[in-house]
Amino acid sequence: MPKAIQIQQFGDPSVMQFVNVEVPPPGQGQVTIRHKSCGLNFIDVYYRTGLYPQPLPAGLGMEAAGVVEAVGPGVTHLKEGDRVAYAARPPGAYSEVRNMGADDVVRLPDSISFDTAAAIMLQGLTVQYLFRRTFPLKGGETILFHAAAGGVGLFACQWARALGVTMIGTVGSDEKAEIAKAHGCTHVINYNTENIVERVREITHGQGVPVVYDSVGKDTFTASLDCLAPLGMMVSFGNASGPVPPFSLSELASRGSLFITRPTLFSYARTRPELEAMAAELFEMVESGKIVPNITRRYALADVVQAHRDLEARKTTGTVLLIP
Protein backbone atom coordinates (compact mmCIF):
# COMPACT_ATOMS: atom_id res chain seq x y z
CA MET A 1 0.00 0.00 0.00
CA PRO A 2 1.41 3.43 -0.93
CA LYS A 3 2.32 5.93 1.76
CA ALA A 4 1.66 9.63 2.11
CA ILE A 5 1.98 12.48 4.58
CA GLN A 6 -1.29 13.44 6.28
CA ILE A 7 -2.37 15.80 9.04
CA GLN A 8 -5.27 15.22 11.43
CA GLN A 9 -4.98 18.71 12.94
CA PHE A 10 -3.28 22.01 12.19
CA GLY A 11 -0.07 22.86 14.01
CA ASP A 12 3.71 22.64 14.07
CA PRO A 13 5.69 20.12 11.99
CA SER A 14 5.00 17.31 14.46
CA VAL A 15 1.38 17.05 13.25
CA MET A 16 2.54 15.44 9.98
CA GLN A 17 2.19 11.66 9.87
CA PHE A 18 3.61 9.14 7.40
CA VAL A 19 0.71 6.76 6.80
CA ASN A 20 -0.65 4.13 4.43
CA VAL A 21 -3.29 5.42 2.00
CA GLU A 22 -5.81 3.92 -0.38
CA VAL A 23 -5.51 5.18 -3.96
CA PRO A 24 -8.60 4.18 -5.97
CA PRO A 25 -8.62 3.90 -9.77
CA PRO A 26 -8.62 7.34 -11.42
CA GLY A 27 -12.05 8.88 -11.90
CA GLN A 28 -13.45 10.98 -14.72
CA GLY A 29 -10.78 13.41 -15.91
CA GLN A 30 -8.12 12.05 -13.55
CA VAL A 31 -4.77 10.29 -13.83
CA THR A 32 -2.88 8.22 -11.29
CA ILE A 33 0.72 9.41 -10.84
CA ARG A 34 3.58 7.59 -9.13
CA HIS A 35 5.80 10.35 -7.81
CA LYS A 36 9.55 10.34 -8.32
CA SER A 37 10.24 13.71 -6.70
CA CYS A 38 8.17 16.22 -4.71
CA GLY A 39 8.72 19.91 -4.06
CA LEU A 40 8.87 21.55 -0.64
CA ASN A 41 7.47 25.09 -0.52
CA PHE A 42 6.49 27.65 2.10
CA ILE A 43 2.86 27.43 1.00
CA ASP A 44 2.92 23.93 2.49
CA VAL A 45 3.53 25.52 5.89
CA TYR A 46 0.48 27.74 5.41
CA TYR A 47 -1.69 24.67 4.80
CA ARG A 48 -0.11 22.75 7.70
CA THR A 49 -0.72 25.54 10.19
CA GLY A 50 -4.23 26.32 8.97
CA LEU A 51 -3.41 29.80 7.66
CA TYR A 52 -4.88 28.39 4.45
CA PRO A 53 -7.77 26.30 5.78
CA GLN A 54 -8.71 22.91 4.33
CA PRO A 55 -10.89 20.02 5.52
CA LEU A 56 -9.18 17.51 7.82
CA PRO A 57 -7.70 14.95 7.60
CA ALA A 58 -5.67 16.35 4.72
CA GLY A 59 -2.58 15.88 2.62
CA LEU A 60 0.16 18.43 2.04
CA GLY A 61 2.33 19.44 -0.88
CA MET A 62 1.53 21.32 -4.08
CA GLU A 63 4.00 20.05 -6.68
CA ALA A 64 5.59 16.83 -7.85
CA ALA A 65 6.87 14.97 -10.87
CA GLY A 66 6.46 11.34 -11.81
CA VAL A 67 4.98 8.81 -14.19
CA VAL A 68 1.36 8.25 -15.18
CA GLU A 69 0.28 4.79 -14.02
CA ALA A 70 -3.39 4.89 -15.04
CA VAL A 71 -5.70 7.18 -17.01
CA GLY A 72 -9.33 7.82 -16.14
CA PRO A 73 -12.27 8.33 -18.52
CA GLY A 74 -12.24 11.49 -20.57
CA VAL A 75 -8.48 12.09 -20.50
CA THR A 76 -7.02 12.49 -23.98
CA HIS A 77 -3.78 14.48 -23.60
CA LEU A 78 -2.01 12.00 -21.29
CA LYS A 79 -1.39 8.27 -21.43
CA GLU A 80 0.07 5.56 -19.23
CA GLY A 81 3.86 5.86 -19.05
CA ASP A 82 4.00 9.61 -19.69
CA ARG A 83 6.52 11.61 -17.68
CA VAL A 84 4.57 14.45 -16.07
CA ALA A 85 4.67 17.23 -13.48
CA TYR A 86 2.25 19.60 -11.81
CA ALA A 87 1.83 22.44 -9.34
CA ALA A 88 -1.81 22.44 -8.34
CA ARG A 89 -4.44 22.08 -5.67
CA PRO A 90 -5.67 20.24 -3.71
CA PRO A 91 -2.64 19.58 -1.50
CA GLY A 92 -1.42 16.00 -1.48
CA ALA A 93 1.86 15.91 -3.38
CA TYR A 94 3.67 14.57 -0.31
CA SER A 95 2.85 11.01 -1.38
CA GLU A 96 4.16 8.03 -3.27
CA VAL A 97 1.08 7.71 -5.48
CA ARG A 98 -1.97 9.95 -5.96
CA ASN A 99 -4.80 10.78 -8.33
CA MET A 100 -4.78 14.23 -9.93
CA GLY A 101 -7.06 16.14 -12.24
CA ALA A 102 -5.48 15.67 -15.66
CA ASP A 103 -6.09 19.29 -16.66
CA ASP A 104 -3.60 20.36 -13.98
CA VAL A 105 -0.85 18.03 -15.24
CA VAL A 106 1.66 18.75 -18.01
CA ARG A 107 3.95 16.41 -19.92
CA LEU A 108 7.65 16.82 -19.34
CA PRO A 109 10.18 17.31 -22.14
CA ASP A 110 12.69 14.46 -22.23
CA SER A 111 15.46 16.93 -21.38
CA ILE A 112 13.99 17.77 -17.96
CA SER A 113 14.57 15.31 -15.12
CA PHE A 114 12.04 14.49 -12.41
CA ASP A 115 14.07 16.35 -9.78
CA THR A 116 14.34 19.42 -12.00
CA ALA A 117 10.62 19.32 -12.73
CA ALA A 118 9.71 19.03 -9.05
CA ALA A 119 12.04 21.94 -8.36
CA ILE A 120 10.64 24.31 -10.99
CA MET A 121 6.90 23.86 -11.26
CA LEU A 122 5.55 25.92 -8.36
CA GLN A 123 8.44 28.34 -7.93
CA GLY A 124 9.24 28.72 -11.63
CA LEU A 125 5.63 29.18 -12.69
CA THR A 126 5.26 31.71 -9.88
CA VAL A 127 8.08 33.84 -11.29
CA GLN A 128 6.64 33.38 -14.79
CA TYR A 129 3.31 34.96 -13.89
CA LEU A 130 4.88 37.61 -11.61
CA PHE A 131 7.30 38.84 -14.26
CA ARG A 132 5.28 38.19 -17.41
CA ARG A 133 1.70 38.96 -16.37
CA THR A 134 1.19 40.57 -12.93
CA PHE A 135 3.65 43.38 -13.67
CA PRO A 136 5.05 42.60 -17.12
CA LEU A 137 8.76 43.32 -17.28
CA LYS A 138 10.13 44.42 -20.62
CA GLY A 139 13.79 44.91 -19.67
CA GLY A 140 15.59 47.92 -18.26
CA GLU A 141 13.45 48.24 -15.12
CA THR A 142 14.82 48.27 -11.59
CA ILE A 143 12.73 46.09 -9.26
CA LEU A 144 12.72 45.07 -5.59
CA PHE A 145 12.31 41.38 -4.77
CA HIS A 146 12.24 40.18 -1.17
CA ALA A 147 13.76 36.84 -0.04
CA ALA A 148 16.07 36.80 -3.03
CA ALA A 149 18.00 33.72 -1.87
CA GLY A 150 14.91 31.60 -1.33
CA GLY A 151 13.47 29.13 -3.78
CA VAL A 152 11.32 31.60 -5.71
CA GLY A 153 13.92 34.33 -5.25
CA LEU A 154 16.69 32.46 -7.04
CA PHE A 155 14.42 31.82 -10.01
CA ALA A 156 13.63 35.53 -9.99
CA CYS A 157 17.33 36.44 -9.95
CA GLN A 158 17.97 34.35 -13.04
CA TRP A 159 14.84 35.39 -14.90
CA ALA A 160 15.53 39.07 -14.20
CA ARG A 161 19.06 38.70 -15.54
CA ALA A 162 17.73 37.01 -18.69
CA LEU A 163 15.27 39.87 -19.24
CA GLY A 164 17.86 42.60 -18.68
CA VAL A 165 16.19 43.76 -15.47
CA THR A 166 18.12 45.29 -12.56
CA MET A 167 17.02 43.36 -9.49
CA ILE A 168 17.43 44.62 -5.94
CA GLY A 169 17.05 41.67 -3.61
CA THR A 170 16.72 41.44 0.16
CA VAL A 171 18.30 38.65 2.21
CA GLY A 172 18.98 37.87 5.85
CA SER A 173 22.71 37.13 5.82
CA ASP A 174 25.91 37.86 3.95
CA GLU A 175 26.05 34.21 2.86
CA LYS A 176 22.62 34.49 1.27
CA ALA A 177 23.69 37.76 -0.34
CA GLU A 178 26.49 35.98 -2.16
CA ILE A 179 24.11 33.24 -3.32
CA ALA A 180 21.67 35.81 -4.72
CA LYS A 181 24.45 37.71 -6.52
CA ALA A 182 25.78 34.49 -8.03
CA HIS A 183 22.34 33.85 -9.52
CA GLY A 184 22.02 37.27 -11.12
CA CYS A 185 20.77 39.68 -8.45
CA THR A 186 22.31 43.08 -9.19
CA HIS A 187 22.08 44.70 -5.74
CA VAL A 188 21.58 42.83 -2.46
CA ILE A 189 20.36 44.31 0.82
CA ASN A 190 20.96 42.47 4.09
CA TYR A 191 17.88 43.53 6.04
CA ASN A 192 19.56 42.60 9.35
CA THR A 193 22.32 45.16 8.88
CA GLU A 194 20.92 47.68 6.36
CA ASN A 195 17.79 49.80 6.08
CA ILE A 196 15.80 48.54 3.10
CA VAL A 197 14.08 51.82 2.22
CA GLU A 198 17.24 53.91 2.52
CA ARG A 199 19.25 51.50 0.36
CA VAL A 200 16.56 51.29 -2.32
CA ARG A 201 16.33 55.08 -2.47
CA GLU A 202 20.11 55.27 -2.68
CA ILE A 203 20.33 52.71 -5.50
CA THR A 204 17.51 54.38 -7.45
CA HIS A 205 18.79 57.94 -6.84
CA GLY A 206 15.72 58.76 -4.80
CA GLN A 207 13.21 57.61 -7.39
CA GLY A 208 12.03 54.34 -5.88
CA VAL A 209 11.09 51.28 -7.89
CA PRO A 210 8.05 50.72 -10.14
CA VAL A 211 7.27 47.33 -8.57
CA VAL A 212 7.98 45.38 -5.39
CA TYR A 213 7.48 41.61 -5.28
CA ASP A 214 6.91 40.66 -1.64
CA SER A 215 6.39 37.11 -0.34
CA VAL A 216 7.39 37.96 3.24
CA GLY A 217 4.19 39.74 4.27
CA LYS A 218 3.81 41.36 7.69
CA ASP A 219 7.48 42.19 8.37
CA THR A 220 8.20 43.93 5.06
CA PHE A 221 4.84 45.38 3.99
CA THR A 222 5.32 49.00 5.07
CA ALA A 223 8.92 49.09 3.86
CA SER A 224 7.79 47.73 0.51
CA LEU A 225 5.26 50.53 0.10
CA ASP A 226 7.92 53.08 1.03
CA CYS A 227 10.23 51.77 -1.69
CA LEU A 228 7.75 52.34 -4.50
CA ALA A 229 7.78 55.23 -6.93
CA PRO A 230 4.49 57.08 -7.47
CA LEU A 231 1.99 54.89 -9.37
CA GLY A 232 4.10 51.86 -8.41
CA MET A 233 2.75 48.35 -7.96
CA MET A 234 2.94 46.38 -4.70
CA VAL A 235 2.74 42.66 -5.51
CA SER A 236 2.08 40.81 -2.24
CA PHE A 237 2.26 37.12 -3.08
CA GLY A 238 3.10 35.44 0.22
CA ASN A 239 3.04 35.60 4.01
CA ALA A 240 6.26 34.00 5.25
CA SER A 241 6.38 36.29 8.30
CA GLY A 242 2.62 36.30 8.83
CA PRO A 243 -0.38 37.90 7.12
CA VAL A 244 -0.29 41.57 6.18
CA PRO A 245 -2.25 43.47 8.87
CA PRO A 246 -5.32 45.52 7.91
CA PHE A 247 -4.43 48.90 6.48
CA SER A 248 -6.17 51.99 5.18
CA LEU A 249 -6.36 52.66 1.45
CA SER A 250 -5.12 56.15 2.27
CA GLU A 251 -1.69 54.53 2.78
CA LEU A 252 -1.62 53.98 -0.99
CA ALA A 253 -2.84 57.49 -1.78
CA SER A 254 -0.33 59.24 0.47
CA ARG A 255 2.59 57.46 -1.20
CA GLY A 256 1.67 58.47 -4.73
CA SER A 257 -1.47 56.60 -5.83
CA LEU A 258 0.04 53.16 -5.52
CA PHE A 259 -1.47 49.93 -6.81
CA ILE A 260 -1.60 46.69 -4.83
CA THR A 261 -2.47 43.14 -5.80
CA ARG A 262 -2.54 39.76 -4.03
CA PRO A 263 -2.07 37.22 -6.85
CA THR A 264 -1.89 33.43 -6.78
CA LEU A 265 -0.51 31.00 -9.31
CA PHE A 266 -3.81 29.14 -9.42
CA SER A 267 -5.67 32.21 -10.69
CA TYR A 268 -3.20 32.71 -13.51
CA ALA A 269 -3.12 29.00 -14.46
CA ARG A 270 -6.86 28.48 -14.11
CA THR A 271 -7.39 27.22 -17.68
CA ARG A 272 -5.61 24.48 -19.60
CA PRO A 273 -4.36 26.84 -22.38
CA GLU A 274 -2.94 29.27 -19.81
CA LEU A 275 -1.15 26.49 -17.93
CA GLU A 276 0.28 25.04 -21.14
CA ALA A 277 1.59 28.43 -22.28
CA MET A 278 3.13 29.20 -18.88
CA ALA A 279 4.79 25.77 -18.63
CA ALA A 280 6.11 26.00 -22.19
CA GLU A 281 7.88 29.29 -21.44
CA LEU A 282 9.28 27.93 -18.18
CA PHE A 283 10.55 24.75 -19.84
CA GLU A 284 12.18 26.82 -22.60
CA MET A 285 13.99 28.95 -20.03
CA VAL A 286 15.31 25.81 -18.34
CA GLU A 287 16.25 24.01 -21.56
CA SER A 288 18.13 27.09 -22.80
CA GLY A 289 20.15 27.24 -19.60
CA LYS A 290 18.88 30.69 -18.66
CA ILE A 291 17.38 29.19 -15.51
CA VAL A 292 19.04 26.41 -13.52
CA PRO A 293 17.22 25.27 -10.38
CA ASN A 294 19.39 25.47 -7.29
CA ILE A 295 18.53 22.16 -5.62
CA THR A 296 20.32 22.41 -2.30
CA ARG A 297 18.86 19.56 -0.24
CA ARG A 298 16.92 16.35 -0.64
CA TYR A 299 15.03 14.73 2.24
CA ALA A 300 13.34 11.35 2.27
CA LEU A 301 9.58 11.82 2.29
CA ALA A 302 9.52 10.09 5.69
CA ASP A 303 11.78 12.88 7.04
CA VAL A 304 9.34 15.67 6.18
CA VAL A 305 9.07 16.85 9.80
CA GLN A 306 12.74 17.79 9.86
CA ALA A 307 12.45 19.34 6.40
CA HIS A 308 9.68 21.66 7.60
CA ARG A 309 11.62 22.58 10.73
CA ASP A 310 14.64 23.54 8.64
CA LEU A 311 12.48 25.51 6.20
CA GLU A 312 10.79 27.54 8.94
CA ALA A 313 14.11 28.15 10.72
CA ARG A 314 15.45 29.72 7.49
CA LYS A 315 18.15 27.02 7.36
CA THR A 316 17.42 26.31 3.70
CA THR A 317 18.27 28.22 0.55
CA GLY A 318 17.24 27.55 -3.00
CA THR A 319 15.01 24.54 -3.70
CA VAL A 320 14.41 21.58 -1.40
CA LEU A 321 12.99 18.25 -2.54
CA LEU A 322 11.26 15.33 -0.87
CA ILE A 323 12.03 11.92 -2.36
CA PRO A 324 9.34 9.22 -1.98
Foldseek 3Di string as FASTA:
>chain_A
DWWFWWAQDADALVRTDIDDDDADAAEAQKFKWFFFWAFDDVVQNCDRNCVPPDDPGDGGGFKTWGFTCHDYPPDDPDDGGFTKMFGHDDGTRLIRMYMDRNLRIDGDDPVADRHNRNLCHFLVLVLLCVDPPPPDDQADFEEEEEPLQAANNLSNQLVCVVNNYAYEYEDQDPVSVVNSVVSHHNHYHNVVVDPLQVVLCVVVVNQAGQEYEAACAQVCVLVRLSRHGAQHEYEHAHHLPHHHDDDDPVSCVVRHNYHYDHDHSCVQPVGSVSSVVSVVVSSVCVVVVSDDFDEDEEAESNCVSVVSVCVSVVVDGTIYMYGD
